Amino acid sequence: MTTTAAVIPHWNRAELLHDLLQSLSRQTLRFCEIIVVDNGSTDGSVNHARSQGARVIEMGKNAGFAAAVNRGIHAAKTDWVAILNNDVTVAPDWLATLIQSAGQSGAWFASGKTLQTTDPSIIDGTFDEISRGGCAWRCGAGKPDAALWNQPRPVRMVPMTAAIFRRDLFDQIGPLDERFGSYLEDVDFGLRCALADRRGWYEPAAVAWHRGSATLGAWNSDTVRLIAQNQILLTAKHFRGEPRWPIVAGQLLWGVLALRHGRGVSYIRGKLSGLRFTRQLSGDHQSAARNRLREVVQASEQEIRRLGRESGMDWYWRAYFWLLRQ
């Protein structure tokens, strides 16, 4: 019998955690264990999680998403782990559907269709793709739910908003890179999976709902700073020796988006912070590894362009592909 543990990194907002735990209690396929990894909450979240039957690991401070997930995965002794944001709820058949689809497809990980809680007609996320600029797209985010997003398919990487992973995948690929803290750690992990030819599966019949940035808020200054920083970390780690123009174009355009949301200073702070990390990161410069990276990233970028054309290209991607003349 397949066993699954839920791993929930958490920091404050006990009411969000309550809604998630309630939805997990209604699963048609039961979790063997629910592990809440608390990043130093001060609002009674720990006691509430325990009262709901969850196992709680207390980090004692806000160590970030990646560190909390790693602690939870290390504690899990199951075949699969489900990683869930605290501001998610899932349909009763979410786990059963993903486990069945992953088993039938031979996937190492799987995600479903995540809709916005505030407007369930709008996609929050499906799977991820990455460009040669080192910038990722959560495919479908902000788009109306439509037939394009209702097609099961193999995928390269998935957001860790609500997804399942084979537990031994983390033994093979390694844990989340805690230098990322929060944001893009799942893209880094997904890219490592793709380079190692560990494929995932997207199953739209497994539905979840996500509030999105419920803890910090959309375009929060800390969020922008961390994403800007981690874009640098991601490219320093994986894209050394790759053409620079796509990287410059992609990340400068993201800065324009930050500026339009009044977060230009946070963007610059993040880039400066990321540059200080670059000497600590070393990419694999072997020819075979570079060739595999180019193959993966070029295919992923082509998929961004295809899906963008079919669903309506966002301003960012229109500008990116125009600059690259593609």
Protein backbone atom coordinates (compact mmCIF):
# COMPACT_ATOMS: atom_id res chain seq x y z
CA MET A 1 0.00 0.00 0.00
CA THR A 2 1.33 3.46 -0.93
CA THR A 3 1.94 5.73 2.04
CA THR A 4 1.99 9.54 1.99
CA ALA A 5 2.85 12.22 4.51
CA ALA A 6 1.83 15.88 4.21
CA VAL A 7 4.56 18.46 4.88
CA ILE A 8 3.31 21.99 5.62
CA PRO A 9 5.84 24.80 6.18
CA HIS A 10 4.08 27.41 8.30
CA TRP A 11 4.54 30.87 9.80
CA ASN A 12 1.60 32.52 11.58
CA ARG A 13 -1.92 32.87 10.09
CA ALA A 14 -3.42 30.03 12.15
CA GLU A 15 -6.77 30.51 10.41
CA LEU A 16 -5.21 29.55 7.07
CA LEU A 17 -3.62 26.47 8.58
CA HIS A 18 -6.98 25.50 10.09
CA ASP A 19 -8.68 25.54 6.67
CA LEU A 20 -5.90 23.45 5.12
CA LEU A 21 -5.95 20.86 7.92
CA GLN A 22 -9.72 20.57 7.61
CA SER A 23 -9.42 19.89 3.88
CA LEU A 24 -6.73 17.27 4.51
CA SER A 25 -8.98 15.53 7.04
CA ARG A 26 -11.58 15.03 4.29
CA GLN A 27 -9.29 13.22 1.83
CA THR A 28 -10.67 10.02 0.34
CA LEU A 29 -7.13 8.62 0.48
CA ARG A 30 -5.88 9.29 3.97
CA PHE A 31 -2.48 10.74 4.80
CA CYS A 32 -0.40 8.54 7.08
CA GLU A 33 0.88 11.62 8.85
CA ILE A 34 0.53 15.39 8.69
CA ILE A 35 3.71 17.27 9.58
CA VAL A 36 3.54 21.00 10.27
CA VAL A 37 6.97 22.61 10.33
CA ASP A 38 6.55 25.86 12.23
CA ASN A 39 8.89 28.76 11.48
CA GLY A 40 8.50 30.52 14.83
CA SER A 41 4.79 31.39 14.79
CA THR A 42 3.56 33.67 17.58
CA ASP A 43 -0.19 33.36 17.07
CA GLY A 44 -1.00 30.00 18.64
CA SER A 45 -0.49 28.05 15.41
CA VAL A 46 1.55 25.33 17.12
CA ASN A 47 -1.10 24.48 19.71
CA HIS A 48 -3.83 24.60 17.09
CA ALA A 49 -1.97 22.25 14.75
CA ARG A 50 -1.44 19.75 17.56
CA SER A 51 -5.11 19.98 18.56
CA GLN A 52 -5.97 18.94 14.99
CA GLY A 53 -3.76 15.85 15.23
CA ALA A 54 -0.77 17.13 13.28
CA ARG A 55 2.80 16.41 14.24
CA VAL A 56 4.60 19.72 14.79
CA ILE A 57 8.30 20.38 14.28
CA GLU A 58 9.26 23.73 15.79
CA MET A 59 12.10 25.53 13.98
CA GLY A 60 12.23 28.25 16.65
CA LYS A 61 12.67 31.00 14.08
CA ASN A 62 11.67 31.87 10.54
CA ALA A 63 14.25 29.74 8.73
CA GLY A 64 12.53 30.06 5.36
CA PHE A 65 10.43 27.77 3.18
CA ALA A 66 13.29 25.58 1.96
CA ALA A 67 14.67 24.79 5.43
CA ALA A 68 11.20 24.02 6.79
CA VAL A 69 10.38 21.69 3.90
CA ASN A 70 13.70 19.89 4.27
CA ARG A 71 13.03 19.27 7.96
CA GLY A 72 9.61 17.90 7.17
CA ILE A 73 10.85 15.62 4.40
CA HIS A 74 13.63 14.31 6.64
CA ALA A 75 11.03 13.43 9.28
CA ALA A 76 8.70 11.68 6.81
CA LYS A 77 9.02 7.88 6.60
CA THR A 78 6.59 7.32 3.74
CA ASP A 79 6.71 6.43 0.05
CA TRP A 80 5.48 9.89 -0.99
CA VAL A 81 5.41 13.36 0.53
CA ALA A 82 2.91 16.07 -0.29
CA ILE A 83 4.27 19.62 0.07
CA LEU A 84 1.53 22.16 0.73
CA ASN A 85 1.53 25.90 1.36
CA ASN A 86 -0.44 26.92 4.44
CA ASP A 87 -2.82 29.07 2.35
CA VAL A 88 -4.02 26.15 0.20
CA THR A 89 -7.08 23.94 0.43
CA VAL A 90 -7.54 20.79 -1.64
CA ALA A 91 -10.48 18.86 -3.04
CA PRO A 92 -11.39 15.61 -1.21
CA ASP A 93 -9.97 13.44 -4.02
CA TRP A 94 -6.83 15.56 -4.54
CA LEU A 95 -4.35 13.08 -3.04
CA ALA A 96 -6.02 9.97 -4.45
CA THR A 97 -6.09 11.45 -7.94
CA LEU A 98 -2.44 12.51 -7.88
CA ILE A 99 -1.20 9.20 -6.45
CA GLN A 100 -3.11 7.26 -9.10
CA SER A 101 -1.92 9.48 -11.95
CA ALA A 102 1.69 9.45 -10.79
CA GLY A 103 1.63 5.68 -10.49
CA GLN A 104 0.11 5.14 -13.93
CA SER A 105 2.52 7.56 -15.62
CA GLY A 106 5.63 6.41 -13.73
CA ALA A 107 6.25 10.00 -12.59
CA TRP A 108 8.55 11.02 -9.78
CA PHE A 109 6.32 13.92 -8.78
CA ALA A 110 2.94 15.34 -9.71
CA SER A 111 0.83 18.46 -9.39
CA GLY A 112 -2.77 19.28 -10.11
CA LYS A 113 -4.65 22.36 -11.22
CA THR A 114 -4.60 25.10 -8.60
CA LEU A 115 -7.26 27.80 -8.81
CA GLN A 116 -7.46 31.17 -7.08
CA THR A 117 -9.47 30.97 -3.86
CA THR A 118 -10.94 34.44 -4.40
CA ASP A 119 -11.98 33.65 -8.00
CA PRO A 120 -12.03 29.93 -8.84
CA SER A 121 -12.53 30.70 -12.53
CA ILE A 122 -8.91 31.91 -12.66
CA ILE A 123 -5.82 29.69 -12.68
CA ASP A 124 -3.35 30.17 -9.85
CA GLY A 125 -0.85 27.62 -11.16
CA THR A 126 -0.38 24.33 -12.98
CA PHE A 127 3.27 23.47 -13.65
CA ASP A 128 6.42 25.54 -14.14
CA GLU A 129 8.65 26.30 -17.12
CA ILE A 130 11.89 28.30 -17.24
CA SER A 131 13.42 30.60 -19.84
CA ARG A 132 17.02 31.09 -20.94
CA GLY A 133 16.82 34.30 -18.92
CA GLY A 134 16.64 32.29 -15.71
CA CYS A 135 13.09 33.52 -15.08
CA ALA A 136 10.31 31.01 -14.50
CA TRP A 137 6.65 31.06 -15.52
CA ARG A 138 3.97 29.47 -13.38
CA CYS A 139 2.05 28.35 -16.42
CA GLY A 140 -1.47 29.66 -16.64
CA ALA A 141 -1.21 31.92 -13.61
CA GLY A 142 -3.82 34.66 -13.88
CA LYS A 143 -5.45 33.11 -16.95
CA PRO A 144 -9.09 31.99 -17.14
CA ASP A 145 -9.56 28.28 -16.54
CA ALA A 146 -9.90 26.74 -20.00
CA ALA A 147 -9.45 23.56 -22.02
CA LEU A 148 -5.73 24.29 -22.47
CA TRP A 149 -5.20 23.70 -18.74
CA ASN A 150 -7.34 20.55 -18.63
CA GLN A 151 -4.89 18.31 -20.49
CA PRO A 152 -2.87 15.78 -18.43
CA ARG A 153 0.76 15.78 -19.54
CA PRO A 154 4.36 15.08 -18.51
CA VAL A 155 6.13 18.10 -17.03
CA ARG A 156 9.65 19.18 -16.15
CA MET A 157 8.94 20.96 -12.87
CA VAL A 158 6.05 21.82 -10.59
CA PRO A 159 5.42 24.52 -7.98
CA MET A 160 5.60 23.36 -4.40
CA THR A 161 2.36 25.19 -3.63
CA ALA A 162 0.54 21.85 -3.68
CA ALA A 163 2.33 18.83 -5.14
CA ILE A 164 3.45 15.30 -4.32
CA PHE A 165 6.94 13.82 -4.62
CA ARG A 166 8.43 10.39 -4.21
CA ARG A 167 10.30 10.48 -0.92
CA ASP A 168 13.43 8.87 -2.36
CA LEU A 169 13.64 11.57 -5.05
CA PHE A 170 15.15 13.87 -2.41
CA ASP A 171 17.78 11.23 -1.64
CA GLN A 172 18.73 11.09 -5.33
CA ILE A 173 18.50 14.78 -6.30
CA GLY A 174 19.29 16.27 -2.91
CA PRO A 175 17.20 18.44 -0.60
CA LEU A 176 15.95 21.92 -1.39
CA ASP A 177 18.83 24.40 -1.55
CA GLU A 178 18.41 26.38 1.66
CA ARG A 179 20.43 29.28 0.29
CA PHE A 180 17.28 30.23 -1.62
CA GLY A 181 15.36 30.60 1.63
CA SER A 182 11.93 31.29 0.13
CA TYR A 183 11.05 31.69 -3.58
CA LEU A 184 12.51 29.83 -6.59
CA GLU A 185 13.79 26.97 -4.41
CA ASP A 186 11.20 24.79 -6.14
CA VAL A 187 12.37 25.98 -9.58
CA ASP A 188 15.96 25.10 -8.66
CA PHE A 189 14.81 21.66 -7.48
CA GLY A 190 12.72 21.16 -10.61
CA LEU A 191 15.62 22.10 -12.84
CA ARG A 192 17.82 19.58 -11.05
CA CYS A 193 15.13 16.95 -11.60
CA ALA A 194 14.95 17.79 -15.31
CA LEU A 195 18.72 17.60 -15.70
CA ALA A 196 18.65 14.16 -14.06
CA ASP A 197 15.73 13.10 -16.32
CA ARG A 198 13.32 12.71 -13.40
CA ARG A 199 9.98 13.59 -14.99
CA GLY A 200 6.78 14.73 -13.35
CA TRP A 201 3.10 14.65 -14.28
CA TYR A 202 0.40 17.30 -14.42
CA GLU A 203 -3.08 16.02 -13.57
CA PRO A 204 -5.75 18.74 -13.84
CA ALA A 205 -8.41 16.52 -12.24
CA ALA A 206 -6.62 17.04 -8.91
CA VAL A 207 -7.90 20.46 -7.85
CA ALA A 208 -6.63 22.81 -5.16
CA TRP A 209 -7.36 26.43 -4.27
CA HIS A 210 -4.68 28.96 -3.29
CA ARG A 211 -5.07 32.37 -1.69
CA GLY A 212 -1.66 33.41 -3.01
CA SER A 213 0.89 35.47 -1.05
CA ALA A 214 -1.46 35.34 1.93
CA THR A 215 1.36 35.71 4.46
CA LEU A 216 3.29 38.62 2.94
CA GLY A 217 0.96 39.91 0.22
CA ALA A 218 1.34 40.25 -3.55
CA TRP A 219 4.32 42.39 -4.62
CA ASN A 220 5.39 42.81 -1.01
CA SER A 221 8.79 44.49 -0.79
CA ASP A 222 10.37 41.45 0.91
CA THR A 223 8.89 39.13 -1.73
CA VAL A 224 10.30 41.23 -4.57
CA ARG A 225 13.70 41.48 -2.89
CA LEU A 226 13.92 37.72 -2.37
CA ILE A 227 12.79 36.84 -5.90
CA ALA A 228 15.25 39.33 -7.41
CA GLN A 229 18.03 37.90 -5.26
CA ASN A 230 17.17 34.30 -6.06
CA GLN A 231 17.05 34.94 -9.80
CA ILE A 232 20.74 35.79 -9.47
CA LEU A 233 21.38 32.67 -7.38
CA LEU A 234 19.59 30.46 -9.88
CA THR A 235 21.53 31.78 -12.87
CA ALA A 236 24.85 31.69 -11.00
CA LYS A 237 24.24 28.10 -10.00
CA HIS A 238 23.03 26.71 -13.33
CA PHE A 239 23.61 29.18 -16.19
CA ARG A 240 27.33 29.93 -16.03
CA GLY A 241 28.81 29.91 -19.51
CA GLU A 242 25.39 30.44 -21.13
CA PRO A 243 24.64 33.44 -23.41
CA ARG A 244 24.22 36.55 -21.28
CA TRP A 245 21.73 38.54 -23.33
CA PRO A 246 18.68 36.37 -22.48
CA ILE A 247 19.63 36.56 -18.79
CA VAL A 248 20.09 40.34 -18.87
CA ALA A 249 16.88 40.84 -20.86
CA GLY A 250 14.77 38.52 -18.74
CA GLN A 251 15.84 39.88 -15.39
CA LEU A 252 15.80 43.56 -16.39
CA LEU A 253 12.26 43.14 -17.69
CA TRP A 254 11.27 41.61 -14.37
CA GLY A 255 12.75 44.72 -12.77
CA VAL A 256 10.47 46.85 -14.93
CA LEU A 257 7.50 44.89 -13.55
CA ALA A 258 8.75 45.50 -10.01
CA LEU A 259 9.13 49.21 -10.75
CA ARG A 260 5.59 49.38 -12.12
CA HIS A 261 4.39 47.97 -8.78
CA GLY A 262 6.41 50.52 -6.81
CA ARG A 263 9.09 48.03 -5.78
CA GLY A 264 12.11 49.25 -7.76
CA VAL A 265 14.24 49.74 -4.63
CA SER A 266 13.43 46.23 -3.39
CA TYR A 267 14.41 44.83 -6.79
CA ILE A 268 17.79 46.58 -6.71
CA ARG A 269 18.42 45.48 -3.12
CA GLY A 270 17.67 41.91 -4.12
CA LYS A 271 20.03 41.99 -7.10
CA LEU A 272 22.86 43.40 -4.99
CA SER A 273 22.27 40.74 -2.35
CA GLY A 274 22.26 38.03 -5.01
CA LEU A 275 25.53 39.23 -6.49
CA ARG A 276 27.18 38.83 -3.08
CA PHE A 277 26.25 35.14 -3.19
CA THR A 278 27.64 34.37 -6.63
CA ARG A 279 31.14 33.49 -5.47
CA GLN A 280 29.66 30.86 -3.15
CA LEU A 281 27.89 29.07 -5.96
CA SER A 282 29.60 26.85 -8.48
CA GLY A 283 27.93 25.44 -11.55
CA ASP A 284 28.90 22.23 -13.29
CA HIS A 285 30.94 23.36 -16.27
CA GLN A 286 31.42 19.97 -17.89
CA SER A 287 30.46 19.93 -21.55
CA ALA A 288 27.84 17.20 -21.17
CA ALA A 289 26.14 19.07 -18.32
CA ARG A 290 26.07 22.33 -20.30
CA ASN A 291 24.60 20.57 -23.33
CA ARG A 292 21.89 18.95 -21.21
CA LEU A 293 21.06 22.29 -19.57
CA ARG A 294 20.67 23.97 -22.97
CA GLU A 295 18.44 21.17 -24.19
CA VAL A 296 16.19 21.40 -21.13
CA VAL A 297 15.98 25.19 -21.00
CA GLN A 298 15.46 25.68 -24.72
CA ALA A 299 12.62 23.14 -24.71
CA SER A 300 11.12 24.81 -21.65
CA GLU A 301 11.31 28.26 -23.23
CA GLN A 302 9.66 26.98 -26.41
CA GLU A 303 6.82 25.66 -24.26
CA ILE A 304 6.42 29.07 -22.60
CA ARG A 305 6.07 30.62 -26.05
CA ARG A 306 3.59 27.99 -27.25
CA LEU A 307 1.38 28.18 -24.18
CA GLY A 308 1.59 31.97 -24.18
CA ARG A 309 0.40 32.15 -27.76
CA GLU A 310 -2.50 29.81 -27.05
CA SER A 311 -3.60 31.49 -23.81
CA GLY A 312 -2.67 35.12 -24.49
CA MET A 313 0.90 36.30 -24.07
CA ASP A 314 1.57 38.41 -20.96
CA TRP A 315 3.37 41.76 -21.41
CA TYR A 316 6.54 40.40 -19.84
CA TRP A 317 6.85 37.47 -22.24
CA ARG A 318 5.89 39.54 -25.28
CA ALA A 319 8.70 41.96 -24.43
CA TYR A 320 11.14 39.13 -23.67
CA PHE A 321 10.59 37.31 -26.96
CA TRP A 322 10.64 40.58 -28.89
CA LEU A 323 14.02 41.48 -27.40
CA LEU A 324 15.33 38.05 -28.33
CA ARG A 325 13.64 38.38 -31.76
CA GLN A 326 11.81 35.08 -31.46
